[in-house]
Every structure is written in structure tokens, then in C-alpha cells.
Amino acid sequence: SKHEQRSHKKPLKLMLDTREQRFQHECTQDKQVRKIFASYKEFHSKCRASPKCAQRGLIWKTCKEGLGDQFRGLTTMLFVAMRSGRPLFLAWLESGQDMLQFFPETGLDLSPPPGMDGCKNYEGKMTDQEVYNVVKTPSTSCYIFSTNQPPRSYHVLPDAMHTRHFWKPIACGLNFLFSPKL
């Protein structure tokens, strides 16, 4: 009977099992995006090991907004760093706590390395395009940004991540940077 045939089908699975499966499904189905994330991870590791390269880093500093706004800002800085070929570091302090301890990293050491003194400091509500315009120059100096603006500029996002859903680049950026222990 038709009822018996239906019962042998597997139930529709609405949720993927793991964070890694969700990341793969939402963020890296496109080969270009997979390559961009893998290349940046390799670059970041090598660059962090080289003081000269690390000195060109971008440091995202906590903004005085809520956690959701902070997620927007730090993912904006991730995409700016990726697009401009600079390592990203996070100075993410909240109420005296280093927030990186709550968000285990996925193979990237995001804490600022020693010797990052003399960075040019930009604070305020800069858009991702304004931040990118500052750092795209071949300058050897590091920059500190305190922004909470979302990644929206087509000049900043990888081409395959252009979407009408503003949350997708943020979610994919967070999944690339962190492996939350839930």
C-alpha cells in the first residue's frame, strides 16, 4: 500500500548534525569560497610566524556595543583582512575578560602577537568599504579598528558570498573563525 511505501522512507532532516556540517552546507558549497577560506587559513598561520608579516596585521578591538554588533564588526574585519592580504587579530575584551577564551578558534591564533606597538588607531562607525580603503594600501603598518558595521560591500566580500541575506557572511565568518563548545 502507499502508506507502507512512505513509512520506509527516511524522515526529512531539518537540522544538520554538527557545526562543521552546517558550515560546509551553508558556507563552503562553492569551490571558490572553500579555496578562499583554506588559503587565508594557510596565509594567516605563515604570516603570524613571521614578525615582519604580522606587523601588517589588522586588529579588531571591542566596540562598545552588544555581542551581535561585535560579531558584525569582527566578521567585517575578517573579510577586509582576507581581501587586503593582512592577518587578523582580535583584542576582544569585555568586562575585563578575554572573549577568545569563550570562543575556541579553528586553527587560527587570533590573539595579537607581541610587538604590535605603534598601530594606527581608527575608532568610530566606519563601513566595511571605508575600512578597506584604509588598509588596501601597501603600507607596512598595522591598524586597529573598532567597528560594528556588517560586511556589505561587494569590494570586501568574496564574490561567491554576495547575497541578499546580510546574515550569511556573518554566520560563515563566525563559523570560519570559531568552533563554539556548546
N, C-alpha and C. Protein backbone atom coordinates (compact mmCIF):
# COMPACT_ATOMS: atom_id res chain seq x y z
N SER A 1 0.83 -1.19 0.00
CA SER A 1 0.00 0.00 0.00
C SER A 1 0.87 1.25 0.00
N LYS A 2 0.27 2.37 -0.32
CA LYS A 2 1.01 3.64 -0.35
C LYS A 2 1.53 4.01 1.03
N HIS A 3 0.76 3.75 2.07
CA HIS A 3 1.19 4.07 3.43
C HIS A 3 2.45 3.29 3.81
N GLU A 4 2.50 2.00 3.43
CA GLU A 4 3.68 1.19 3.74
C GLU A 4 4.90 1.71 3.00
N GLN A 5 4.73 2.14 1.74
CA GLN A 5 5.85 2.66 0.97
C GLN A 5 6.42 3.92 1.62
N ARG A 6 5.57 4.79 2.12
CA ARG A 6 6.02 6.03 2.75
C ARG A 6 6.79 5.74 4.03
N SER A 7 6.36 4.77 4.80
CA SER A 7 7.00 4.51 6.08
C SER A 7 8.43 4.02 5.92
N HIS A 8 8.81 3.51 4.77
CA HIS A 8 10.18 3.06 4.54
C HIS A 8 11.13 4.20 4.17
N LYS A 9 10.58 5.33 3.84
CA LYS A 9 11.41 6.49 3.51
C LYS A 9 11.99 7.07 4.79
N LYS A 10 13.18 7.62 4.68
CA LYS A 10 13.79 8.28 5.82
C LYS A 10 13.08 9.60 6.08
N PRO A 11 12.92 9.96 7.35
CA PRO A 11 12.27 11.24 7.64
C PRO A 11 13.12 12.41 7.15
N LEU A 12 12.46 13.48 6.78
CA LEU A 12 13.15 14.68 6.35
C LEU A 12 14.00 15.23 7.49
N LYS A 13 15.23 15.52 7.20
CA LYS A 13 16.14 16.01 8.23
C LYS A 13 16.24 17.53 8.10
N LEU A 14 15.73 18.23 9.08
CA LEU A 14 15.72 19.68 9.04
C LEU A 14 17.00 20.29 9.57
N MET A 15 17.66 19.62 10.49
CA MET A 15 18.88 20.15 11.09
C MET A 15 20.05 19.24 10.74
N LEU A 16 21.16 19.81 10.37
CA LEU A 16 22.36 19.04 10.14
C LEU A 16 22.98 18.70 11.49
N ASP A 17 23.72 17.62 11.56
CA ASP A 17 24.18 17.10 12.83
C ASP A 17 25.19 17.97 13.57
N THR A 18 26.16 18.46 12.88
CA THR A 18 27.25 19.14 13.58
C THR A 18 27.47 20.54 13.04
N ARG A 19 28.17 21.34 13.82
CA ARG A 19 28.52 22.68 13.38
C ARG A 19 29.32 22.62 12.09
N GLU A 20 30.21 21.65 11.98
CA GLU A 20 31.04 21.51 10.78
C GLU A 20 30.17 21.19 9.56
N GLN A 21 29.17 20.34 9.73
CA GLN A 21 28.28 20.04 8.62
C GLN A 21 27.48 21.27 8.20
N ARG A 22 27.01 22.04 9.17
CA ARG A 22 26.27 23.27 8.85
C ARG A 22 27.17 24.25 8.10
N PHE A 23 28.42 24.40 8.58
CA PHE A 23 29.36 25.30 7.92
C PHE A 23 29.60 24.85 6.48
N GLN A 24 29.83 23.55 6.29
CA GLN A 24 30.06 23.03 4.94
C GLN A 24 28.84 23.28 4.06
N HIS A 25 27.65 23.04 4.60
CA HIS A 25 26.43 23.20 3.82
C HIS A 25 26.16 24.66 3.45
N GLU A 26 26.28 25.55 4.41
CA GLU A 26 25.92 26.95 4.19
C GLU A 26 27.04 27.78 3.55
N CYS A 27 28.28 27.46 3.87
CA CYS A 27 29.36 28.39 3.55
C CYS A 27 30.36 27.92 2.52
N THR A 28 30.53 26.62 2.38
CA THR A 28 31.63 26.18 1.51
C THR A 28 31.18 25.25 0.40
N GLN A 29 29.92 25.31 0.01
CA GLN A 29 29.48 24.51 -1.14
C GLN A 29 30.17 25.00 -2.41
N ASP A 30 30.42 26.29 -2.46
CA ASP A 30 31.08 26.89 -3.62
C ASP A 30 32.59 26.67 -3.52
N LYS A 31 33.19 26.14 -4.57
CA LYS A 31 34.63 25.84 -4.57
C LYS A 31 35.47 27.09 -4.34
N GLN A 32 35.03 28.21 -4.88
CA GLN A 32 35.78 29.46 -4.72
C GLN A 32 35.84 29.86 -3.25
N VAL A 33 34.72 29.77 -2.54
CA VAL A 33 34.68 30.13 -1.13
C VAL A 33 35.56 29.17 -0.32
N ARG A 34 35.45 27.87 -0.61
CA ARG A 34 36.30 26.88 0.07
C ARG A 34 37.77 27.22 -0.09
N LYS A 35 38.14 27.56 -1.30
CA LYS A 35 39.54 27.89 -1.59
C LYS A 35 39.97 29.17 -0.86
N ILE A 36 39.10 30.16 -0.82
CA ILE A 36 39.41 31.42 -0.14
C ILE A 36 39.64 31.18 1.34
N PHE A 37 38.74 30.43 1.99
CA PHE A 37 38.91 30.15 3.42
C PHE A 37 40.18 29.34 3.68
N ALA A 38 40.43 28.30 2.88
CA ALA A 38 41.62 27.47 3.07
C ALA A 38 42.90 28.28 2.84
N SER A 39 42.90 29.09 1.81
CA SER A 39 44.09 29.91 1.51
C SER A 39 44.36 30.91 2.62
N TYR A 40 43.30 31.53 3.15
CA TYR A 40 43.50 32.51 4.20
C TYR A 40 44.01 31.84 5.48
N LYS A 41 43.51 30.67 5.78
CA LYS A 41 43.95 29.95 6.98
C LYS A 41 45.45 29.64 6.87
N GLU A 42 45.89 29.20 5.71
CA GLU A 42 47.30 28.91 5.49
C GLU A 42 48.13 30.19 5.56
N PHE A 43 47.67 31.24 4.90
CA PHE A 43 48.36 32.53 4.93
C PHE A 43 48.50 33.04 6.36
N HIS A 44 47.42 33.00 7.11
CA HIS A 44 47.41 33.54 8.48
C HIS A 44 48.44 32.82 9.34
N SER A 45 48.49 31.52 9.22
CA SER A 45 49.45 30.72 10.01
C SER A 45 50.88 31.09 9.68
N LYS A 46 51.19 31.18 8.41
CA LYS A 46 52.55 31.54 7.98
C LYS A 46 52.88 32.98 8.37
N CYS A 47 51.93 33.88 8.19
CA CYS A 47 52.16 35.29 8.47
C CYS A 47 52.38 35.53 9.96
N ARG A 48 51.61 34.85 10.78
CA ARG A 48 51.77 35.01 12.23
C ARG A 48 53.16 34.59 12.68
N ALA A 49 53.73 33.60 12.01
CA ALA A 49 55.07 33.10 12.36
C ALA A 49 56.18 34.05 11.90
N SER A 50 55.85 35.01 11.06
CA SER A 50 56.83 35.97 10.54
C SER A 50 56.56 37.35 11.14
N PRO A 51 57.42 37.82 12.05
CA PRO A 51 57.17 39.14 12.67
C PRO A 51 56.96 40.26 11.65
N LYS A 52 57.70 40.23 10.55
CA LYS A 52 57.56 41.28 9.54
C LYS A 52 56.15 41.26 8.93
N CYS A 53 55.65 40.09 8.64
CA CYS A 53 54.31 39.97 8.06
C CYS A 53 53.25 40.29 9.10
N ALA A 54 53.41 39.78 10.32
CA ALA A 54 52.42 40.01 11.38
C ALA A 54 52.28 41.49 11.69
N GLN A 55 53.35 42.25 11.51
CA GLN A 55 53.31 43.69 11.79
C GLN A 55 52.36 44.44 10.85
N ARG A 56 51.96 43.81 9.77
CA ARG A 56 50.99 44.41 8.84
C ARG A 56 49.55 44.06 9.23
N GLY A 57 49.38 43.50 10.41
CA GLY A 57 48.09 42.97 10.82
C GLY A 57 47.01 44.01 11.04
N LEU A 58 45.79 43.51 11.02
CA LEU A 58 44.63 44.29 11.39
C LEU A 58 44.18 43.78 12.75
N ILE A 59 43.96 44.69 13.66
CA ILE A 59 43.47 44.31 14.98
C ILE A 59 42.07 44.86 15.13
N TRP A 60 41.12 43.95 15.36
CA TRP A 60 39.77 44.38 15.67
C TRP A 60 39.70 44.51 17.18
N LYS A 61 39.26 45.67 17.62
CA LYS A 61 39.16 45.98 19.05
C LYS A 61 37.69 46.08 19.42
N THR A 62 37.36 45.60 20.59
CA THR A 62 35.98 45.61 21.06
C THR A 62 35.35 46.99 20.89
N CYS A 63 34.17 46.99 20.31
CA CYS A 63 33.39 48.23 20.23
C CYS A 63 32.45 48.24 21.44
N LYS A 64 31.91 49.36 21.72
CA LYS A 64 31.06 49.49 22.90
C LYS A 64 29.59 49.20 22.57
N GLU A 65 29.37 48.10 21.93
CA GLU A 65 28.02 47.70 21.53
C GLU A 65 27.75 46.30 22.07
N GLY A 66 26.62 45.74 21.73
CA GLY A 66 26.26 44.39 22.17
C GLY A 66 27.01 43.32 21.41
N LEU A 67 26.84 42.08 21.84
CA LEU A 67 27.56 40.95 21.26
C LEU A 67 27.23 40.77 19.78
N GLY A 68 25.97 40.93 19.40
CA GLY A 68 25.60 40.80 17.99
C GLY A 68 26.30 41.84 17.13
N ASP A 69 26.37 43.06 17.61
CA ASP A 69 27.09 44.12 16.88
C ASP A 69 28.58 43.79 16.80
N GLN A 70 29.12 43.23 17.87
CA GLN A 70 30.54 42.86 17.85
C GLN A 70 30.78 41.76 16.83
N PHE A 71 29.88 40.80 16.72
CA PHE A 71 30.02 39.75 15.70
C PHE A 71 30.03 40.36 14.30
N ARG A 72 29.16 41.34 14.07
CA ARG A 72 29.14 42.00 12.75
C ARG A 72 30.49 42.66 12.47
N GLY A 73 31.00 43.40 13.45
CA GLY A 73 32.25 44.11 13.25
C GLY A 73 33.44 43.20 13.04
N LEU A 74 33.54 42.15 13.83
CA LEU A 74 34.72 41.30 13.68
C LEU A 74 34.67 40.48 12.41
N THR A 75 33.46 40.12 11.92
CA THR A 75 33.41 39.43 10.63
C THR A 75 33.71 40.40 9.49
N THR A 76 33.31 41.65 9.64
CA THR A 76 33.70 42.64 8.64
C THR A 76 35.22 42.70 8.56
N MET A 77 35.86 42.75 9.71
CA MET A 77 37.34 42.81 9.72
C MET A 77 37.96 41.54 9.13
N LEU A 78 37.32 40.38 9.34
CA LEU A 78 37.83 39.14 8.72
C LEU A 78 37.84 39.29 7.21
N PHE A 79 36.74 39.73 6.63
CA PHE A 79 36.67 39.83 5.17
C PHE A 79 37.58 40.94 4.64
N VAL A 80 37.73 42.02 5.38
CA VAL A 80 38.67 43.08 4.98
C VAL A 80 40.10 42.50 5.01
N ALA A 81 40.43 41.76 6.06
CA ALA A 81 41.77 41.17 6.16
C ALA A 81 42.00 40.18 5.02
N MET A 82 41.02 39.36 4.73
CA MET A 82 41.16 38.39 3.64
C MET A 82 41.38 39.11 2.31
N ARG A 83 40.57 40.12 2.05
CA ARG A 83 40.63 40.82 0.76
C ARG A 83 41.93 41.63 0.61
N SER A 84 42.44 42.15 1.72
CA SER A 84 43.64 43.00 1.64
C SER A 84 44.94 42.24 1.88
N GLY A 85 44.86 40.95 2.17
CA GLY A 85 46.06 40.15 2.37
C GLY A 85 46.80 40.50 3.66
N ARG A 86 46.05 40.69 4.72
CA ARG A 86 46.64 41.01 6.02
C ARG A 86 46.12 40.02 7.06
N PRO A 87 46.92 39.73 8.08
CA PRO A 87 46.43 38.84 9.14
C PRO A 87 45.48 39.60 10.06
N LEU A 88 44.50 38.89 10.58
CA LEU A 88 43.53 39.47 11.52
C LEU A 88 43.86 39.00 12.93
N PHE A 89 43.81 39.94 13.86
CA PHE A 89 43.97 39.63 15.28
C PHE A 89 42.83 40.32 16.03
N LEU A 90 42.45 39.74 17.15
CA LEU A 90 41.32 40.27 17.91
C LEU A 90 41.76 40.69 19.31
N ALA A 91 41.49 41.94 19.66
CA ALA A 91 41.68 42.43 21.02
C ALA A 91 40.28 42.54 21.60
N TRP A 92 39.71 41.40 21.96
CA TRP A 92 38.30 41.29 22.29
C TRP A 92 38.13 41.15 23.80
N LEU A 93 38.06 42.28 24.46
CA LEU A 93 37.90 42.29 25.91
C LEU A 93 36.51 42.81 26.26
N GLU A 94 35.87 42.12 27.16
CA GLU A 94 34.54 42.51 27.62
C GLU A 94 34.50 42.36 29.13
N SER A 95 34.30 43.46 29.84
CA SER A 95 34.28 43.46 31.31
C SER A 95 35.53 42.80 31.89
N GLY A 96 36.67 43.09 31.27
CA GLY A 96 37.94 42.56 31.75
C GLY A 96 38.22 41.12 31.33
N GLN A 97 37.33 40.50 30.59
CA GLN A 97 37.51 39.12 30.14
C GLN A 97 37.97 39.08 28.69
N ASP A 98 38.95 38.22 28.42
CA ASP A 98 39.36 37.97 27.04
C ASP A 98 38.32 37.05 26.42
N MET A 99 37.52 37.56 25.51
CA MET A 99 36.41 36.80 24.94
C MET A 99 36.87 35.61 24.11
N LEU A 100 38.12 35.61 23.66
CA LEU A 100 38.61 34.48 22.88
C LEU A 100 38.59 33.18 23.68
N GLN A 101 38.65 33.29 25.01
CA GLN A 101 38.60 32.08 25.83
C GLN A 101 37.24 31.39 25.75
N PHE A 102 36.19 32.11 25.36
CA PHE A 102 34.85 31.55 25.26
C PHE A 102 34.52 31.06 23.86
N PHE A 103 35.35 31.43 22.90
CA PHE A 103 35.12 31.07 21.50
C PHE A 103 36.37 30.38 20.96
N PRO A 104 36.49 29.07 21.17
CA PRO A 104 37.69 28.37 20.69
C PRO A 104 37.88 28.59 19.19
N GLU A 105 39.11 28.82 18.83
CA GLU A 105 39.44 29.11 17.45
C GLU A 105 39.54 27.82 16.64
N THR A 106 39.46 27.95 15.33
CA THR A 106 39.51 26.80 14.42
C THR A 106 40.84 26.72 13.71
N GLY A 107 41.91 26.82 14.44
CA GLY A 107 43.24 26.71 13.83
C GLY A 107 43.91 28.03 13.55
N LEU A 108 43.23 29.14 13.81
CA LEU A 108 43.84 30.45 13.64
C LEU A 108 44.14 31.00 15.03
N ASP A 109 45.36 31.46 15.24
CA ASP A 109 45.68 32.11 16.50
C ASP A 109 45.35 33.58 16.33
N LEU A 110 44.24 34.00 16.90
CA LEU A 110 43.71 35.35 16.69
C LEU A 110 44.19 36.36 17.71
N SER A 111 44.91 35.93 18.74
CA SER A 111 45.40 36.89 19.73
C SER A 111 46.54 37.70 19.12
N PRO A 112 46.57 39.00 19.39
CA PRO A 112 47.64 39.83 18.81
C PRO A 112 49.02 39.36 19.28
N PRO A 113 49.96 39.22 18.35
CA PRO A 113 51.31 38.80 18.75
C PRO A 113 52.05 39.95 19.44
N PRO A 114 53.11 39.63 20.18
CA PRO A 114 53.89 40.70 20.82
C PRO A 114 54.49 41.64 19.77
N GLY A 115 54.71 42.87 20.16
CA GLY A 115 55.35 43.83 19.27
C GLY A 115 54.43 44.54 18.31
N MET A 116 53.16 44.52 18.58
CA MET A 116 52.20 45.21 17.70
C MET A 116 51.99 46.63 18.20
N ASP A 117 53.07 47.30 18.52
CA ASP A 117 53.00 48.68 19.01
C ASP A 117 53.01 49.65 17.83
N GLY A 118 52.46 50.80 18.04
CA GLY A 118 52.50 51.85 17.01
C GLY A 118 51.50 51.66 15.90
N CYS A 119 50.48 50.86 16.12
CA CYS A 119 49.45 50.68 15.09
C CYS A 119 48.62 51.95 14.96
N LYS A 120 48.19 52.22 13.76
CA LYS A 120 47.30 53.35 13.53
C LYS A 120 45.91 52.96 14.04
N ASN A 121 45.34 53.82 14.88
CA ASN A 121 44.08 53.50 15.54
C ASN A 121 42.92 54.26 14.92
N TYR A 122 41.92 53.52 14.47
CA TYR A 122 40.71 54.11 13.89
C TYR A 122 39.53 53.66 14.73
N GLU A 123 38.82 54.60 15.30
CA GLU A 123 37.62 54.26 16.05
C GLU A 123 36.44 54.99 15.45
N GLY A 124 35.30 54.43 15.63
CA GLY A 124 34.09 55.05 15.10
C GLY A 124 33.39 54.13 14.14
N LYS A 125 32.30 54.59 13.63
CA LYS A 125 31.44 53.76 12.78
C LYS A 125 31.87 53.86 11.33
N MET A 126 32.92 53.14 11.00
CA MET A 126 33.38 53.08 9.62
C MET A 126 32.71 51.90 8.92
N THR A 127 32.29 52.10 7.68
CA THR A 127 31.71 50.99 6.92
C THR A 127 32.83 50.06 6.48
N ASP A 128 32.46 48.88 6.02
CA ASP A 128 33.47 47.94 5.54
C ASP A 128 34.26 48.53 4.37
N GLN A 129 33.61 49.30 3.52
CA GLN A 129 34.31 49.91 2.38
C GLN A 129 35.31 50.96 2.86
N GLU A 130 34.95 51.76 3.85
CA GLU A 130 35.87 52.76 4.40
C GLU A 130 37.09 52.09 5.04
N VAL A 131 36.86 51.01 5.78
CA VAL A 131 37.97 50.27 6.39
C VAL A 131 38.88 49.71 5.29
N TYR A 132 38.28 49.09 4.29
CA TYR A 132 39.06 48.51 3.19
C TYR A 132 39.89 49.57 2.47
N ASN A 133 39.31 50.74 2.24
CA ASN A 133 40.05 51.82 1.58
C ASN A 133 41.29 52.23 2.36
N VAL A 134 41.24 52.14 3.69
CA VAL A 134 42.40 52.48 4.52
C VAL A 134 43.49 51.41 4.38
N VAL A 135 43.10 50.14 4.44
CA VAL A 135 44.10 49.07 4.54
C VAL A 135 44.56 48.49 3.21
N LYS A 136 43.93 48.82 2.11
CA LYS A 136 44.32 48.21 0.84
C LYS A 136 45.66 48.75 0.31
N THR A 137 46.16 49.79 0.93
CA THR A 137 47.44 50.34 0.50
C THR A 137 48.57 49.37 0.90
N PRO A 138 49.70 49.44 0.25
CA PRO A 138 50.79 48.52 0.58
C PRO A 138 51.58 48.91 1.84
N SER A 139 50.99 49.66 2.70
CA SER A 139 51.65 50.10 3.93
C SER A 139 52.12 48.92 4.76
N THR A 140 53.22 49.12 5.47
CA THR A 140 53.75 48.06 6.34
C THR A 140 53.27 48.22 7.77
N SER A 141 52.42 49.19 8.04
CA SER A 141 51.98 49.39 9.42
C SER A 141 50.73 48.57 9.72
N CYS A 142 50.52 48.36 11.00
CA CYS A 142 49.32 47.66 11.45
C CYS A 142 48.23 48.69 11.75
N TYR A 143 47.02 48.21 11.81
CA TYR A 143 45.87 49.07 12.04
C TYR A 143 44.99 48.46 13.12
N ILE A 144 44.40 49.33 13.93
CA ILE A 144 43.42 48.91 14.92
C ILE A 144 42.09 49.56 14.54
N PHE A 145 41.05 48.73 14.45
CA PHE A 145 39.73 49.23 14.13
C PHE A 145 38.75 48.78 15.21
N SER A 146 37.87 49.66 15.55
CA SER A 146 36.78 49.36 16.48
C SER A 146 35.50 49.67 15.72
N THR A 147 34.97 48.66 15.05
CA THR A 147 33.78 48.86 14.23
C THR A 147 32.76 47.78 14.51
N ASN A 148 31.51 48.09 14.30
CA ASN A 148 30.45 47.11 14.45
C ASN A 148 29.60 47.04 13.18
N GLN A 149 30.13 47.53 12.09
CA GLN A 149 29.38 47.56 10.84
C GLN A 149 29.42 46.20 10.16
N PRO A 150 28.32 45.77 9.56
CA PRO A 150 28.28 44.46 8.91
C PRO A 150 29.04 44.46 7.58
N PRO A 151 29.47 43.27 7.14
CA PRO A 151 30.15 43.18 5.84
C PRO A 151 29.13 43.24 4.72
N ARG A 152 29.07 44.36 4.04
CA ARG A 152 28.07 44.53 2.97
C ARG A 152 28.68 44.88 1.63
N SER A 153 29.88 45.41 1.63
CA SER A 153 30.47 45.92 0.40
C SER A 153 30.89 44.79 -0.54
N TYR A 154 30.56 44.96 -1.80
CA TYR A 154 30.97 43.97 -2.79
C TYR A 154 32.49 43.97 -2.99
N HIS A 155 33.17 45.01 -2.55
CA HIS A 155 34.62 45.06 -2.66
C HIS A 155 35.28 44.24 -1.56
N VAL A 156 34.56 43.96 -0.50
CA VAL A 156 35.11 43.28 0.66
C VAL A 156 34.77 41.80 0.68
N LEU A 157 33.53 41.47 0.39
CA LEU A 157 33.11 40.06 0.44
C LEU A 157 33.66 39.28 -0.74
N PRO A 158 34.01 38.00 -0.52
CA PRO A 158 34.34 37.15 -1.68
C PRO A 158 33.15 37.11 -2.63
N ASP A 159 33.43 37.08 -3.92
CA ASP A 159 32.36 37.15 -4.92
C ASP A 159 31.25 36.14 -4.67
N ALA A 160 31.61 34.93 -4.30
CA ALA A 160 30.61 33.88 -4.12
C ALA A 160 29.76 34.10 -2.86
N MET A 161 30.10 35.06 -2.01
CA MET A 161 29.32 35.31 -0.81
C MET A 161 28.39 36.51 -0.95
N HIS A 162 28.31 37.08 -2.13
CA HIS A 162 27.36 38.18 -2.34
C HIS A 162 25.97 37.59 -2.26
N THR A 163 25.19 38.08 -1.35
CA THR A 163 23.87 37.54 -1.11
C THR A 163 22.96 38.64 -0.60
N ARG A 164 21.69 38.45 -0.80
CA ARG A 164 20.75 39.43 -0.25
C ARG A 164 20.52 39.19 1.23
N HIS A 165 21.00 38.06 1.75
CA HIS A 165 20.86 37.74 3.17
C HIS A 165 22.07 38.27 3.93
N PHE A 166 21.91 39.37 4.64
CA PHE A 166 23.04 40.00 5.32
C PHE A 166 23.66 39.10 6.37
N TRP A 167 22.91 38.14 6.90
CA TRP A 167 23.40 37.29 7.97
C TRP A 167 24.37 36.23 7.49
N LYS A 168 24.28 35.84 6.22
CA LYS A 168 25.09 34.70 5.74
C LYS A 168 26.60 34.96 5.85
N PRO A 169 27.12 36.09 5.36
CA PRO A 169 28.56 36.31 5.53
C PRO A 169 28.97 36.38 7.00
N ILE A 170 28.10 36.91 7.84
CA ILE A 170 28.42 36.98 9.28
C ILE A 170 28.49 35.57 9.86
N ALA A 171 27.48 34.76 9.58
CA ALA A 171 27.46 33.39 10.09
C ALA A 171 28.64 32.58 9.55
N CYS A 172 28.94 32.72 8.27
CA CYS A 172 30.05 31.97 7.69
C CYS A 172 31.38 32.45 8.26
N GLY A 173 31.54 33.75 8.45
CA GLY A 173 32.76 34.28 9.05
C GLY A 173 32.97 33.77 10.46
N LEU A 174 31.90 33.78 11.26
CA LEU A 174 31.99 33.27 12.63
C LEU A 174 32.31 31.79 12.65
N ASN A 175 31.70 31.03 11.77
CA ASN A 175 31.98 29.59 11.70
C ASN A 175 33.41 29.31 11.25
N PHE A 176 33.94 30.17 10.42
CA PHE A 176 35.33 30.00 9.98
C PHE A 176 36.30 30.31 11.13
N LEU A 177 36.00 31.33 11.90
CA LEU A 177 36.91 31.77 12.98
C LEU A 177 36.82 30.90 14.24
N PHE A 178 35.62 30.48 14.59
CA PHE A 178 35.41 29.86 15.89
C PHE A 178 34.74 28.51 15.81
N SER A 179 35.00 27.70 16.81
CA SER A 179 34.35 26.42 16.97
C SER A 179 33.75 26.37 18.36
N PRO A 180 32.57 26.97 18.53
CA PRO A 180 31.99 27.04 19.88
C PRO A 180 31.75 25.67 20.49
N LYS A 181 32.02 25.57 21.75
CA LYS A 181 31.76 24.35 22.51
C LYS A 181 30.39 24.51 23.14
N LEU A 182 29.40 23.89 22.55
CA LEU A 182 28.03 24.01 23.06
C LEU A 182 27.63 22.82 23.89
